[in-house]
Amino acid sequence: MPDFFSFINSVLWGSVMIYLLFGAGCWFTFRTGFVQFRYIRQFGKSLKNSIHPQPGGLTSFQSLCTSLAARVGSGNLAGVALAITAGGPGAV
């Protein structure tokens, strides 16, 4: 049974996963109509114009940083918890 899981692990985390991720990225790019390239100017303008916020509101840059901090922070917490669970205290 461990040999089976080792084989599945080597197949999934080998070149197959790279092709699947690349294919999914291309599919989403075509499906959304190249949205990441079409709106790059609007993204830059939004960040540039966020210097003068409305009173009592968040700027676009502040909300971007808050969103990124929430995603990265929770990923770090979950990653450390998973490492300790899987490998014990020496994993950290």
PDB file of N, CA and C in Angstrom:
ATOM      1  N   MET A   1       0.815  -1.206   0.000  1.00  0.00           N
ATOM      2  CA  MET A   1       0.000   0.000   0.000  1.00  0.00           C
ATOM      3  C   MET A   1       0.860   1.274   0.000  1.00  0.00           C
ATOM      4  N   PRO A   2       1.961   1.325   0.778  1.00  0.00           N
ATOM      5  CA  PRO A   2       2.798   2.535   0.715  1.00  0.00           C
ATOM      6  C   PRO A   2       3.397   2.772  -0.668  1.00  0.00           C
ATOM      7  N   ASP A   3       3.693   1.684  -1.385  1.00  0.00           N
ATOM      8  CA  ASP A   3       4.229   1.847  -2.741  1.00  0.00           C
ATOM      9  C   ASP A   3       3.205   2.484  -3.669  1.00  0.00           C
ATOM     10  N   PHE A   4       1.947   2.131  -3.491  1.00  0.00           N
ATOM     11  CA  PHE A   4       0.873   2.715  -4.296  1.00  0.00           C
ATOM     12  C   PHE A   4       0.783   4.216  -4.052  1.00  0.00           C
ATOM     13  N   PHE A   5       0.795   4.611  -2.774  1.00  0.00           N
ATOM     14  CA  PHE A   5       0.708   6.035  -2.451  1.00  0.00           C
ATOM     15  C   PHE A   5       1.955   6.791  -2.902  1.00  0.00           C
ATOM     16  N   SER A   6       3.086   6.145  -2.831  1.00  0.00           N
ATOM     17  CA  SER A   6       4.316   6.765  -3.323  1.00  0.00           C
ATOM     18  C   SER A   6       4.238   6.990  -4.832  1.00  0.00           C
ATOM     19  N   PHE A   7       3.690   6.021  -5.543  1.00  0.00           N
ATOM     20  CA  PHE A   7       3.527   6.162  -6.992  1.00  0.00           C
ATOM     21  C   PHE A   7       2.564   7.303  -7.325  1.00  0.00           C
ATOM     22  N   ILE A   8       1.419   7.342  -6.640  1.00  0.00           N
ATOM     23  CA  ILE A   8       0.438   8.411  -6.871  1.00  0.00           C
ATOM     24  C   ILE A   8       1.060   9.766  -6.556  1.00  0.00           C
ATOM     25  N   ASN A   9       1.820   9.833  -5.476  1.00  0.00           N
ATOM     26  CA  ASN A   9       2.479  11.084  -5.097  1.00  0.00           C
ATOM     27  C   ASN A   9       3.463  11.534  -6.168  1.00  0.00           C
ATOM     28  N   SER A  10       4.262  10.620  -6.680  1.00  0.00           N
ATOM     29  CA  SER A  10       5.246  11.003  -7.699  1.00  0.00           C
ATOM     30  C   SER A  10       4.574  11.425  -8.999  1.00  0.00           C
ATOM     31  N   VAL A  11       3.446  10.804  -9.338  1.00  0.00           N
ATOM     32  CA  VAL A  11       2.737  11.172 -10.569  1.00  0.00           C
ATOM     33  C   VAL A  11       2.074  12.528 -10.415  1.00  0.00           C
ATOM     34  N   LEU A  12       1.349  12.714  -9.315  1.00  0.00           N
ATOM     35  CA  LEU A  12       0.609  13.965  -9.140  1.00  0.00           C
ATOM     36  C   LEU A  12       1.523  15.166  -8.957  1.00  0.00           C
ATOM     37  N   TRP A  13       2.584  15.020  -8.183  1.00  0.00           N
ATOM     38  CA  TRP A  13       3.455  16.154  -7.919  1.00  0.00           C
ATOM     39  C   TRP A  13       4.612  16.232  -8.901  1.00  0.00           C
ATOM     40  N   GLY A  14       4.553  15.480  -9.952  1.00  0.00           N
ATOM     41  CA  GLY A  14       5.564  15.537 -10.994  1.00  0.00           C
ATOM     42  C   GLY A  14       5.116  16.450 -12.125  1.00  0.00           C
ATOM     43  N   SER A  15       5.417  16.033 -13.328  1.00  0.00           N
ATOM     44  CA  SER A  15       5.107  16.863 -14.490  1.00  0.00           C
ATOM     45  C   SER A  15       3.610  16.965 -14.752  1.00  0.00           C
ATOM     46  N   VAL A  16       2.826  16.004 -14.286  1.00  0.00           N
ATOM     47  CA  VAL A  16       1.383  16.046 -14.507  1.00  0.00           C
ATOM     48  C   VAL A  16       0.782  17.290 -13.865  1.00  0.00           C
ATOM     49  N   MET A  17       1.197  17.587 -12.642  1.00  0.00           N
ATOM     50  CA  MET A  17       0.650  18.745 -11.934  1.00  0.00           C
ATOM     51  C   MET A  17       1.021  20.048 -12.644  1.00  0.00           C
ATOM     52  N   ILE A  18       2.224  20.126 -13.168  1.00  0.00           N
ATOM     53  CA  ILE A  18       2.644  21.335 -13.885  1.00  0.00           C
ATOM     54  C   ILE A  18       1.752  21.560 -15.103  1.00  0.00           C
ATOM     55  N   TYR A  19       1.497  20.509 -15.853  1.00  0.00           N
ATOM     56  CA  TYR A  19       0.647  20.639 -17.039  1.00  0.00           C
ATOM     57  C   TYR A  19      -0.798  20.971 -16.668  1.00  0.00           C
ATOM     58  N   LEU A  20      -1.293  20.376 -15.594  1.00  0.00           N
ATOM     59  CA  LEU A  20      -2.658  20.675 -15.154  1.00  0.00           C
ATOM     60  C   LEU A  20      -2.796  22.132 -14.720  1.00  0.00           C
ATOM     61  N   LEU A  21      -1.827  22.627 -13.959  1.00  0.00           N
ATOM     62  CA  LEU A  21      -1.891  24.020 -13.518  1.00  0.00           C
ATOM     63  C   LEU A  21      -1.755  24.987 -14.692  1.00  0.00           C
ATOM     64  N   PHE A  22      -0.849  24.681 -15.609  1.00  0.00           N
ATOM     65  CA  PHE A  22      -0.685  25.530 -16.785  1.00  0.00           C
ATOM     66  C   PHE A  22      -1.946  25.522 -17.639  1.00  0.00           C
ATOM     67  N   GLY A  23      -2.524  24.348 -17.824  1.00  0.00           N
ATOM     68  CA  GLY A  23      -3.762  24.243 -18.594  1.00  0.00           C
ATOM     69  C   GLY A  23      -4.912  24.987 -17.941  1.00  0.00           C
ATOM     70  N   ALA A  24      -5.025  24.880 -16.617  1.00  0.00           N
ATOM     71  CA  ALA A  24      -6.091  25.600 -15.909  1.00  0.00           C
ATOM     72  C   ALA A  24      -5.900  27.105 -16.032  1.00  0.00           C
ATOM     73  N   GLY A  25      -4.654  27.561 -15.947  1.00  0.00           N
ATOM     74  CA  GLY A  25      -4.391  28.988 -16.109  1.00  0.00           C
ATOM     75  C   GLY A  25      -4.757  29.487 -17.493  1.00  0.00           C
ATOM     76  N   CYS A  26      -4.405  28.713 -18.513  1.00  0.00           N
ATOM     77  CA  CYS A  26      -4.771  29.092 -19.887  1.00  0.00           C
ATOM     78  C   CYS A  26      -6.280  29.073 -20.074  1.00  0.00           C
ATOM     79  N   TRP A  27      -6.942  28.052 -19.531  1.00  0.00           N
ATOM     80  CA  TRP A  27      -8.396  27.952 -19.670  1.00  0.00           C
ATOM     81  C   TRP A  27      -9.082  29.147 -19.025  1.00  0.00           C
ATOM     82  N   PHE A  28      -8.680  29.502 -17.799  1.00  0.00           N
ATOM     83  CA  PHE A  28      -9.295  30.647 -17.134  1.00  0.00           C
ATOM     84  C   PHE A  28      -8.973  31.956 -17.849  1.00  0.00           C
ATOM     85  N   THR A  29      -7.773  32.063 -18.418  1.00  0.00           N
ATOM     86  CA  THR A  29      -7.415  33.267 -19.164  1.00  0.00           C
ATOM     87  C   THR A  29      -8.318  33.431 -20.377  1.00  0.00           C
ATOM     88  N   PHE A  30      -8.500  32.375 -21.147  1.00  0.00           N
ATOM     89  CA  PHE A  30      -9.380  32.455 -22.315  1.00  0.00           C
ATOM     90  C   PHE A  30     -10.832  32.645 -21.907  1.00  0.00           C
ATOM     91  N   ARG A  31     -11.255  31.940 -20.866  1.00  0.00           N
ATOM     92  CA  ARG A  31     -12.661  31.977 -20.441  1.00  0.00           C
ATOM     93  C   ARG A  31     -13.064  33.359 -19.939  1.00  0.00           C
ATOM     94  N   THR A  32     -12.150  34.063 -19.271  1.00  0.00           N
ATOM     95  CA  THR A  32     -12.456  35.402 -18.756  1.00  0.00           C
ATOM     96  C   THR A  32     -12.099  36.501 -19.744  1.00  0.00           C
ATOM     97  N   GLY A  33     -11.633  36.135 -20.923  1.00  0.00           N
ATOM     98  CA  GLY A  33     -11.344  37.139 -21.945  1.00  0.00           C
ATOM     99  C   GLY A  33     -10.096  37.956 -21.646  1.00  0.00           C
ATOM    100  N   PHE A  34      -9.057  37.323 -21.113  1.00  0.00           N
ATOM    101  CA  PHE A  34      -7.779  37.973 -20.819  1.00  0.00           C
ATOM    102  C   PHE A  34      -7.952  39.155 -19.868  1.00  0.00           C
ATOM    103  N   VAL A  35      -8.762  38.954 -18.828  1.00  0.00           N
ATOM    104  CA  VAL A  35      -9.097  40.042 -17.914  1.00  0.00           C
ATOM    105  C   VAL A  35      -7.854  40.596 -17.212  1.00  0.00           C
ATOM    106  N   GLN A  36      -6.854  39.761 -16.935  1.00  0.00           N
ATOM    107  CA  GLN A  36      -5.671  40.249 -16.235  1.00  0.00           C
ATOM    108  C   GLN A  36      -4.845  41.193 -17.097  1.00  0.00           C
ATOM    109  N   PHE A  37      -5.006  41.132 -18.414  1.00  0.00           N
ATOM    110  CA  PHE A  37      -4.287  42.044 -19.291  1.00  0.00           C
ATOM    111  C   PHE A  37      -5.142  43.248 -19.685  1.00  0.00           C
ATOM    112  N   ARG A  38      -6.446  43.045 -19.812  1.00  0.00           N
ATOM    113  CA  ARG A  38      -7.333  44.132 -20.229  1.00  0.00           C
ATOM    114  C   ARG A  38      -7.455  45.217 -19.169  1.00  0.00           C
ATOM    115  N   TYR A  39      -7.415  44.848 -17.911  1.00  0.00           N
ATOM    116  CA  TYR A  39      -7.668  45.812 -16.843  1.00  0.00           C
ATOM    117  C   TYR A  39      -6.416  46.233 -16.086  1.00  0.00           C
ATOM    118  N   ILE A  40      -5.242  46.037 -16.666  1.00  0.00           N
ATOM    119  CA  ILE A  40      -4.025  46.390 -15.944  1.00  0.00           C
ATOM    120  C   ILE A  40      -3.892  47.908 -15.788  1.00  0.00           C
ATOM    121  N   ARG A  41      -4.350  48.662 -16.775  1.00  0.00           N
ATOM    122  CA  ARG A  41      -4.309  50.128 -16.651  1.00  0.00           C
ATOM    123  C   ARG A  41      -5.257  50.603 -15.564  1.00  0.00           C
ATOM    124  N   GLN A  42      -6.448  50.019 -15.515  1.00  0.00           N
ATOM    125  CA  GLN A  42      -7.415  50.402 -14.488  1.00  0.00           C
ATOM    126  C   GLN A  42      -6.887  50.053 -13.097  1.00  0.00           C
ATOM    127  N   PHE A  43      -6.187  48.952 -12.980  1.00  0.00           N
ATOM    128  CA  PHE A  43      -5.593  48.565 -11.707  1.00  0.00           C
ATOM    129  C   PHE A  43      -4.563  49.600 -11.264  1.00  0.00           C
ATOM    130  N   GLY A  44      -3.712  50.017 -12.191  1.00  0.00           N
ATOM    131  CA  GLY A  44      -2.711  51.038 -11.864  1.00  0.00           C
ATOM    132  C   GLY A  44      -3.343  52.365 -11.492  1.00  0.00           C
ATOM    133  N   LYS A  45      -4.375  52.767 -12.234  1.00  0.00           N
ATOM    134  CA  LYS A  45      -5.061  54.024 -11.918  1.00  0.00           C
ATOM    135  C   LYS A  45      -5.739  53.961 -10.557  1.00  0.00           C
ATOM    136  N   SER A  46      -6.320  52.823 -10.225  1.00  0.00           N
ATOM    137  CA  SER A  46      -6.987  52.680  -8.929  1.00  0.00           C
ATOM    138  C   SER A  46      -5.992  52.818  -7.789  1.00  0.00           C
ATOM    139  N   LEU A  47      -4.829  52.219  -7.944  1.00  0.00           N
ATOM    140  CA  LEU A  47      -3.827  52.339  -6.889  1.00  0.00           C
ATOM    141  C   LEU A  47      -3.254  53.745  -6.821  1.00  0.00           C
ATOM    142  N   LYS A  48      -3.084  54.386  -7.977  1.00  0.00           N
ATOM    143  CA  LYS A  48      -2.532  55.736  -7.991  1.00  0.00           C
ATOM    144  C   LYS A  48      -3.529  56.747  -7.424  1.00  0.00           C
ATOM    145  N   ASN A  49      -4.805  56.600  -7.758  1.00  0.00           N
ATOM    146  CA  ASN A  49      -5.822  57.537  -7.288  1.00  0.00           C
ATOM    147  C   ASN A  49      -6.223  57.301  -5.842  1.00  0.00           C
ATOM    148  N   SER A  50      -5.724  56.255  -5.225  1.00  0.00           N
ATOM    149  CA  SER A  50      -6.107  55.973  -3.849  1.00  0.00           C
ATOM    150  C   SER A  50      -5.320  56.812  -2.851  1.00  0.00           C
ATOM    151  N   ILE A  51      -4.492  57.712  -3.331  1.00  0.00           N
ATOM    152  CA  ILE A  51      -3.721  58.575  -2.433  1.00  0.00           C
ATOM    153  C   ILE A  51      -4.640  59.570  -1.739  1.00  0.00           C
ATOM    154  N   HIS A  52      -5.705  59.997  -2.391  1.00  0.00           N
ATOM    155  CA  HIS A  52      -6.642  60.974  -1.828  1.00  0.00           C
ATOM    156  C   HIS A  52      -7.957  60.279  -1.474  1.00  0.00           C
ATOM    157  N   PRO A  53      -8.011  59.639  -0.306  1.00  0.00           N
ATOM    158  CA  PRO A  53      -9.236  58.911   0.041  1.00  0.00           C
ATOM    159  C   PRO A  53     -10.354  59.834   0.499  1.00  0.00           C
ATOM    160  N   GLN A  54     -11.553  59.302   0.467  1.00  0.00           N
ATOM    161  CA  GLN A  54     -12.680  60.035   1.021  1.00  0.00           C
ATOM    162  C   GLN A  54     -12.570  59.982   2.540  1.00  0.00           C
ATOM    163  N   PRO A  55     -13.092  60.988   3.226  1.00  0.00           N
ATOM    164  CA  PRO A  55     -12.989  60.978   4.686  1.00  0.00           C
ATOM    165  C   PRO A  55     -13.700  59.765   5.291  1.00  0.00           C
ATOM    166  N   GLY A  56     -12.999  59.075   6.171  1.00  0.00           N
ATOM    167  CA  GLY A  56     -13.578  57.923   6.846  1.00  0.00           C
ATOM    168  C   GLY A  56     -13.615  56.659   6.016  1.00  0.00           C
ATOM    169  N   GLY A  57     -13.008  56.653   4.849  1.00  0.00           N
ATOM    170  CA  GLY A  57     -13.049  55.477   3.979  1.00  0.00           C
ATOM    171  C   GLY A  57     -11.680  54.853   3.816  1.00  0.00           C
ATOM    172  N   LEU A  58     -11.657  53.701   3.213  1.00  0.00           N
ATOM    173  CA  LEU A  58     -10.410  53.012   2.909  1.00  0.00           C
ATOM    174  C   LEU A  58      -9.980  53.332   1.487  1.00  0.00           C
ATOM    175  N   THR A  59      -8.685  53.443   1.294  1.00  0.00           N
ATOM    176  CA  THR A  59      -8.177  53.597  -0.062  1.00  0.00           C
ATOM    177  C   THR A  59      -8.114  52.220  -0.713  1.00  0.00           C
ATOM    178  N   SER A  60      -7.949  52.201  -2.012  1.00  0.00           N
ATOM    179  CA  SER A  60      -7.821  50.924  -2.724  1.00  0.00           C
ATOM    180  C   SER A  60      -6.579  50.179  -2.265  1.00  0.00           C
ATOM    181  N   PHE A  61      -5.511  50.923  -2.025  1.00  0.00           N
ATOM    182  CA  PHE A  61      -4.267  50.296  -1.584  1.00  0.00           C
ATOM    183  C   PHE A  61      -4.417  49.689  -0.193  1.00  0.00           C
ATOM    184  N   GLN A  62      -5.121  50.385   0.702  1.00  0.00           N
ATOM    185  CA  GLN A  62      -5.340  49.852   2.046  1.00  0.00           C
ATOM    186  C   GLN A  62      -6.171  48.572   2.002  1.00  0.00           C
ATOM    187  N   SER A  63      -7.186  48.539   1.174  1.00  0.00           N
ATOM    188  CA  SER A  63      -8.001  47.322   1.100  1.00  0.00           C
ATOM    189  C   SER A  63      -7.223  46.182   0.443  1.00  0.00           C
ATOM    190  N   LEU A  64      -6.358  46.493  -0.537  1.00  0.00           N
ATOM    191  CA  LEU A  64      -5.508  45.471  -1.143  1.00  0.00           C
ATOM    192  C   LEU A  64      -4.567  44.878  -0.105  1.00  0.00           C
ATOM    193  N   CYS A  65      -3.926  45.738   0.678  1.00  0.00           N
ATOM    194  CA  CYS A  65      -2.995  45.255   1.702  1.00  0.00           C
ATOM    195  C   CYS A  65      -3.710  44.448   2.775  1.00  0.00           C
ATOM    196  N   THR A  66      -4.905  44.867   3.162  1.00  0.00           N
ATOM    197  CA  THR A  66      -5.675  44.127   4.161  1.00  0.00           C
ATOM    198  C   THR A  66      -6.051  42.746   3.638  1.00  0.00           C
ATOM    199  N   SER A  67      -6.477  42.686   2.393  1.00  0.00           N
ATOM    200  CA  SER A  67      -6.850  41.401   1.798  1.00  0.00           C
ATOM    201  C   SER A  67      -5.644  40.472   1.688  1.00  0.00           C
ATOM    202  N   LEU A  68      -4.514  41.004   1.232  1.00  0.00           N
ATOM    203  CA  LEU A  68      -3.314  40.174   1.112  1.00  0.00           C
ATOM    204  C   LEU A  68      -2.825  39.699   2.470  1.00  0.00           C
ATOM    205  N   ALA A  69      -2.883  40.577   3.474  1.00  0.00           N
ATOM    206  CA  ALA A  69      -2.447  40.190   4.818  1.00  0.00           C
ATOM    207  C   ALA A  69      -3.325  39.088   5.387  1.00  0.00           C
ATOM    208  N   ALA A  70      -4.615  39.161   5.136  1.00  0.00           N
ATOM    209  CA  ALA A  70      -5.517  38.124   5.640  1.00  0.00           C
ATOM    210  C   ALA A  70      -5.238  36.783   4.974  1.00  0.00           C
ATOM    211  N   ARG A  71      -4.965  36.812   3.667  1.00  0.00           N
ATOM    212  CA  ARG A  71      -4.719  35.554   2.962  1.00  0.00           C
ATOM    213  C   ARG A  71      -3.372  34.956   3.351  1.00  0.00           C
ATOM    214  N   VAL A  72      -2.343  35.782   3.385  1.00  0.00           N
ATOM    215  CA  VAL A  72      -1.011  35.275   3.707  1.00  0.00           C
ATOM    216  C   VAL A  72      -0.928  34.881   5.176  1.00  0.00           C
ATOM    217  N   GLY A  73      -1.512  35.670   6.048  1.00  0.00           N
ATOM    218  CA  GLY A  73      -1.453  35.377   7.479  1.00  0.00           C
ATOM    219  C   GLY A  73      -2.139  34.083   7.840  1.00  0.00           C
ATOM    220  N   SER A  74      -3.323  33.864   7.312  1.00  0.00           N
ATOM    221  CA  SER A  74      -4.031  32.618   7.629  1.00  0.00           C
ATOM    222  C   SER A  74      -3.325  31.424   7.006  1.00  0.00           C
ATOM    223  N   GLY A  75      -2.697  31.620   5.869  1.00  0.00           N
ATOM    224  CA  GLY A  75      -1.920  30.534   5.265  1.00  0.00           C
ATOM    225  C   GLY A  75      -0.716  30.162   6.104  1.00  0.00           C
ATOM    226  N   ASN A  76      -0.067  31.163   6.696  1.00  0.00           N
ATOM    227  CA  ASN A  76       1.068  30.870   7.567  1.00  0.00           C
ATOM    228  C   ASN A  76       0.624  30.117   8.809  1.00  0.00           C
ATOM    229  N   LEU A  77      -0.489  30.522   9.393  1.00  0.00           N
ATOM    230  CA  LEU A  77      -0.980  29.833  10.588  1.00  0.00           C
ATOM    231  C   LEU A  77      -1.367  28.396  10.271  1.00  0.00           C
ATOM    232  N   ALA A  78      -2.099  28.203   9.200  1.00  0.00           N
ATOM    233  CA  ALA A  78      -2.530  26.856   8.830  1.00  0.00           C
ATOM    234  C   ALA A  78      -1.336  25.994   8.426  1.00  0.00           C
ATOM    235  N   GLY A  79      -0.368  26.577   7.760  1.00  0.00           N
ATOM    236  CA  GLY A  79       0.813  25.820   7.347  1.00  0.00           C
ATOM    237  C   GLY A  79       1.629  25.327   8.523  1.00  0.00           C
ATOM    238  N   VAL A  80       1.817  26.180   9.521  1.00  0.00           N
ATOM    239  CA  VAL A  80       2.565  25.784  10.712  1.00  0.00           C
ATOM    240  C   VAL A  80       1.799  24.719  11.482  1.00  0.00           C
ATOM    241  N   ALA A  81       0.485  24.893  11.613  1.00  0.00           N
ATOM    242  CA  ALA A  81      -0.319  23.895  12.324  1.00  0.00           C
ATOM    243  C   ALA A  81      -0.257  22.545  11.616  1.00  0.00           C
ATOM    244  N   LEU A  82      -0.321  22.556  10.299  1.00  0.00           N
ATOM    245  CA  LEU A  82      -0.247  21.305   9.542  1.00  0.00           C
ATOM    246  C   LEU A  82       1.134  20.667   9.669  1.00  0.00           C
ATOM    247  N   ALA A  83       2.187  21.489   9.659  1.00  0.00           N
ATOM    248  CA  ALA A  83       3.542  20.949   9.801  1.00  0.00           C
ATOM    249  C   ALA A  83       3.731  20.297  11.164  1.00  0.00           C
ATOM    250  N   ILE A  84       3.235  20.935  12.211  1.00  0.00           N
ATOM    251  CA  ILE A  84       3.356  20.353  13.551  1.00  0.00           C
ATOM    252  C   ILE A  84       2.551  19.063  13.645  1.00  0.00           C
ATOM    253  N   THR A  85       1.364  19.062  13.052  1.00  0.00           N
ATOM    254  CA  THR A  85       0.527  17.863  13.092  1.00  0.00           C
ATOM    255  C   THR A  85       1.180  16.713  12.327  1.00  0.00           C
ATOM    256  N   ALA A  86       1.718  17.006  11.167  1.00  0.00           N
ATOM    257  CA  ALA A  86       2.273  15.948  10.325  1.00  0.00           C
ATOM    258  C   ALA A  86       3.651  15.486  10.787  1.00  0.00           C
ATOM    259  N   GLY A  87       4.499  16.442  11.193  1.00  0.00           N
ATOM    260  CA  GLY A  87       5.880  16.078  11.485  1.00  0.00           C
ATOM    261  C   GLY A  87       6.300  16.198  12.923  1.00  0.00           C
ATOM    262  N   GLY A  88       5.423  16.680  13.769  1.00  0.00           N
ATOM    263  CA  GLY A  88       5.788  16.845  15.169  1.00  0.00           C
ATOM    264  C   GLY A  88       6.455  18.187  15.410  1.00  0.00           C
ATOM    265  N   PRO A  89       6.854  18.460  16.646  1.00  0.00           N
ATOM    266  CA  PRO A  89       7.421  19.765  16.995  1.00  0.00           C
ATOM    267  C   PRO A  89       8.717  20.086  16.255  1.00  0.00           C
ATOM    268  N   GLY A  90       9.445  19.082  15.823  1.00  0.00           N
ATOM    269  CA  GLY A  90      10.694  19.330  15.106  1.00  0.00           C
ATOM    270  C   GLY A  90      10.497  19.879  13.707  1.00  0.00           C
ATOM    271  N   ALA A  91       9.288  19.875  13.200  1.00  0.00           N
ATOM    272  CA  ALA A  91       9.015  20.366  11.847  1.00  0.00           C
ATOM    273  C   ALA A  91       9.105  21.880  11.762  1.00  0.00           C
ATOM    274  N   VAL A  92       8.932  22.539  12.884  1.00  0.00           N
ATOM    275  CA  VAL A  92       8.972  23.999  12.886  1.00  0.00           C
ATOM    276  C   VAL A  92      10.349  24.410  13.215  1.00  0.00           C
TER     277      VAL A  92
END
